[in-house]
Every structure is written in C-alpha cells, then in structure tokens.
Amino acid sequence: MNKIAVATAVKKVTSLLYYVTALALLTAVGMEVVSRLSEKHFAVGQEPPRQFPVLRLDGGNAWQVVRWGELDGKPGGEAFLVPVGRGHVAGHGQILTNYQVEENPDQSRLVTLQWVTDDYTYLSRYLVSQQEVRPLSLRKRGVGEALLGLVAAWGVIAAFRKWRRSSNTP
C-alpha cells in the first residue's frame, strides 16, 4: 500500500469514529431532553397514572416498589413513611431501585424514586405524610425516548455537516 491510500483510510476511519461518537452523545442528550419535556406534573388531588411507583413496607420490614394502580384506595400512613436518607431496594421484577428522602419543615418527606424495569426507567417524586402520599411528578425513559433522541441527534449531525460543507465552499 502506498502512503496516500493509508492516510486516506485513516482519515475515513477517524471521521467515522467521530460521527459515531457524536451520534451516541447527542442521542443520550436528546433522550434526556425528551424525557424532561415529557415529564408529568400533578396538581394537588390529581390522580397519577397507574404505573406511578411508590415505596411501601411489605408485611415484614422490607421496602418494596408498588405501582399506584396496585394500591387499594388512597395511600397513606406508616407503611409509606420511608426513612430519611438514601437507599437501595432489591426485589422481583425490577433491575434497580434507588431512592432519596428529604425531611420537609412541615414534617412531610420528599421522596425521589428511580425505578429501573425491563422496559422503562421511571423517576417519580412525591410527598409522604402520616395522612397521605401526594404525587408531584413522573418522568420515564424508554425506547420511545431513545428513538426520539436518536432522530434529534441525527438531525443535529446532518445540519452540522451541511453547514460545514457550505462554509468550505469558496
């Protein structure tokens, strides 16, 4: 092989790696933006969707994640008072569950729960008091958000390439 062919091949491989890396990073950013834009916020008294995850004590002393639709009536009471701090819950049907709980001045607790299942990653935020569990917001990430992020990333790269070609033209 001559030196020019090697240099051309190296340039093409480098360019391909650049675009693949840019596509991956922009897809991740696009997915996060789509997820944040589609986040649902709930007014006081508004019922969340059935898949809204909350933490609850099971029959023993173990915390488990349950969906709002699986609860009987309006949740509240000791079974939902998650201790202040950070933690991890392991259980069936879920890959990962992390939570963070902060104490509010009015004796309620703000719970931020990240629940990873086979299909989606849910990020729910809710207030817990002795009397009730009040949903604040729900965000999810899954295949749909990833595809929209990919489309957005592809569009950004295409626009960049078009701009670069037009700026190189004399």
Protein backbone atom coordinates (compact mmCIF):
# COMPACT_ATOMS: atom_id res chain seq x y z
CA MET A 1 0.00 0.00 0.00
CA ASN A 2 1.16 3.45 -0.68
CA LYS A 3 1.21 6.22 1.89
CA ILE A 4 -1.64 8.17 0.32
CA ALA A 5 -4.03 5.20 0.49
CA VAL A 6 -3.14 4.58 4.14
CA ALA A 7 -3.60 8.25 5.00
CA THR A 8 -6.99 8.30 3.24
CA ALA A 9 -8.13 5.14 5.07
CA VAL A 10 -7.03 6.55 8.43
CA LYS A 11 -8.87 9.80 7.70
CA LYS A 12 -12.09 7.94 6.79
CA VAL A 13 -11.94 5.71 9.89
CA THR A 14 -11.25 8.73 12.11
CA SER A 15 -14.17 10.60 10.56
CA LEU A 16 -16.47 7.60 11.04
CA LEU A 17 -15.47 7.26 14.71
CA TYR A 18 -16.07 10.99 15.18
CA TYR A 19 -19.62 10.75 13.81
CA VAL A 20 -20.47 7.57 15.72
CA THR A 21 -19.24 9.14 18.98
CA ALA A 22 -21.13 12.37 18.26
CA LEU A 23 -24.27 10.40 17.42
CA ALA A 24 -24.07 8.42 20.68
CA LEU A 25 -23.52 11.53 22.83
CA LEU A 26 -26.20 13.56 21.09
CA THR A 27 -28.64 10.64 21.35
CA ALA A 28 -28.10 10.49 25.12
CA VAL A 29 -28.59 14.25 25.44
CA GLY A 30 -31.63 14.16 23.16
CA MET A 31 -33.15 11.31 25.18
CA GLU A 32 -32.71 13.27 28.41
CA VAL A 33 -34.25 16.40 26.86
CA VAL A 34 -37.25 14.44 25.51
CA SER A 35 -37.67 12.77 28.91
CA ARG A 36 -37.63 16.09 30.74
CA LEU A 37 -40.00 17.73 28.29
CA SER A 38 -42.50 14.88 28.65
CA GLU A 39 -42.33 14.88 32.47
CA LYS A 40 -45.80 14.91 34.02
CA HIS A 41 -46.54 17.18 36.99
CA PHE A 42 -49.53 16.58 39.20
CA ALA A 43 -51.74 19.15 40.89
CA VAL A 44 -52.95 18.64 44.46
CA GLY A 45 -55.60 15.94 44.45
CA GLN A 46 -54.85 14.86 40.88
CA GLU A 47 -54.64 11.10 40.39
CA PRO A 48 -51.34 9.89 38.88
CA PRO A 49 -51.17 7.18 36.19
CA ARG A 50 -51.42 3.55 37.31
CA GLN A 51 -47.69 2.91 36.73
CA PHE A 52 -46.62 5.68 39.16
CA PRO A 53 -44.14 3.92 41.52
CA VAL A 54 -44.09 4.41 45.31
CA LEU A 55 -42.21 2.70 48.15
CA ARG A 56 -44.16 0.74 50.76
CA LEU A 57 -43.30 -1.60 53.61
CA ASP A 58 -44.37 -5.12 52.83
CA GLY A 59 -45.65 -7.48 55.54
CA GLY A 60 -42.18 -7.67 57.13
CA ASN A 61 -39.55 -4.97 57.41
CA ALA A 62 -38.57 -4.84 53.73
CA TRP A 63 -39.31 -1.93 51.39
CA GLN A 64 -40.83 -2.73 48.03
CA VAL A 65 -41.85 -0.73 44.98
CA VAL A 66 -45.54 -0.85 44.11
CA ARG A 67 -47.42 0.84 41.31
CA TRP A 68 -50.16 3.32 42.19
CA GLY A 69 -52.69 1.15 40.36
CA GLU A 70 -51.91 -1.81 42.68
CA LEU A 71 -52.83 0.13 45.83
CA ASP A 72 -56.22 -0.16 47.49
CA GLY A 73 -57.71 3.29 47.91
CA LYS A 74 -55.66 6.39 48.63
CA PRO A 75 -52.25 5.51 50.13
CA GLY A 76 -51.00 6.95 53.38
CA GLY A 77 -49.87 6.03 56.87
CA GLU A 78 -46.85 4.37 58.48
CA ALA A 79 -46.33 1.84 55.67
CA PHE A 80 -45.27 4.66 53.31
CA LEU A 81 -43.05 6.73 55.67
CA VAL A 82 -39.67 5.99 54.11
CA PRO A 83 -36.74 6.81 56.42
CA VAL A 84 -34.78 9.99 55.64
CA GLY A 85 -31.60 9.41 53.61
CA ARG A 86 -30.58 7.44 50.57
CA GLY A 87 -31.14 3.79 49.90
CA HIS A 88 -31.44 0.90 47.52
CA VAL A 89 -34.26 -1.62 47.27
CA ALA A 90 -33.87 -5.04 45.67
CA GLY A 91 -36.87 -7.02 44.59
CA HIS A 92 -38.60 -9.03 41.93
CA GLY A 93 -39.45 -7.60 38.52
CA GLN A 94 -37.02 -4.73 38.80
CA ILE A 95 -33.40 -4.30 37.91
CA LEU A 96 -32.55 -1.38 40.16
CA THR A 97 -34.32 0.88 42.61
CA ASN A 98 -32.66 3.84 44.28
CA TYR A 99 -34.34 6.43 46.43
CA GLN A 100 -33.56 9.63 48.29
CA VAL A 101 -35.73 11.04 51.05
CA GLU A 102 -35.56 14.57 52.46
CA GLU A 103 -37.40 15.87 55.52
CA ASN A 104 -39.52 18.99 54.95
CA PRO A 105 -40.24 21.61 57.64
CA ASP A 106 -43.92 20.59 57.71
CA GLN A 107 -42.96 17.01 58.78
CA SER A 108 -43.68 15.60 55.34
CA ARG A 109 -40.97 13.80 53.38
CA LEU A 110 -39.98 14.37 49.77
CA VAL A 111 -39.20 11.03 48.08
CA THR A 112 -37.30 10.82 44.80
CA LEU A 113 -37.51 7.27 43.46
CA GLN A 114 -35.61 5.87 40.48
CA TRP A 115 -37.06 2.54 39.39
CA VAL A 116 -35.46 0.62 36.51
CA THR A 117 -37.50 -2.19 34.95
CA ASP A 118 -37.00 -4.19 31.76
CA ASP A 119 -38.94 -1.65 29.70
CA TYR A 120 -38.50 1.76 31.29
CA THR A 121 -36.67 3.83 33.84
CA TYR A 122 -39.15 5.74 35.99
CA LEU A 123 -38.24 8.77 38.09
CA SER A 124 -41.05 9.67 40.46
CA ARG A 125 -41.20 12.41 43.07
CA TYR A 126 -43.85 12.53 45.77
CA LEU A 127 -44.57 13.84 49.26
CA VAL A 128 -45.33 11.45 52.09
CA SER A 129 -47.01 12.35 55.37
CA GLN A 130 -48.89 10.41 58.02
CA GLN A 131 -52.15 11.05 56.21
CA GLU A 132 -51.35 10.76 52.51
CA VAL A 133 -48.99 10.18 49.62
CA ARG A 134 -49.14 13.13 47.22
CA PRO A 135 -47.62 12.60 43.73
CA LEU A 136 -45.60 15.53 42.38
CA SER A 137 -44.06 14.36 39.09
CA LEU A 138 -43.28 11.34 36.93
CA ARG A 139 -40.66 11.03 34.26
CA LYS A 140 -39.87 7.94 32.23
CA ARG A 141 -37.19 6.91 29.79
CA GLY A 142 -37.52 4.02 27.38
CA VAL A 143 -37.27 3.01 23.75
CA GLY A 144 -39.56 5.78 22.52
CA GLU A 145 -37.48 8.49 24.18
CA ALA A 146 -34.29 6.89 22.86
CA LEU A 147 -35.63 6.84 19.29
CA LEU A 148 -36.69 10.49 19.51
CA GLY A 149 -33.24 11.31 20.91
CA LEU A 150 -31.64 9.43 18.01
CA VAL A 151 -33.73 11.33 15.46
CA ALA A 152 -32.79 14.64 17.10
CA ALA A 153 -29.11 13.67 17.15
CA TRP A 154 -29.22 12.62 13.51
CA GLY A 155 -30.78 15.99 12.63
CA VAL A 156 -28.11 17.92 14.53
CA ILE A 157 -25.31 15.99 12.81
CA ALA A 158 -26.92 16.45 9.38
CA ALA A 159 -27.27 20.19 9.99
CA PHE A 160 -23.65 20.40 11.14
CA ARG A 161 -22.41 18.54 8.06
CA LYS A 162 -24.48 20.78 5.77
CA TRP A 163 -23.14 23.89 7.50
CA ARG A 164 -19.58 22.58 7.27
CA ARG A 165 -19.90 21.86 3.54
CA SER A 166 -21.39 25.29 2.85
CA SER A 167 -18.67 27.07 4.81
CA ASN A 168 -15.90 25.21 2.91
CA THR A 169 -17.28 26.24 -0.49
CA PRO A 170 -15.41 29.22 -1.99
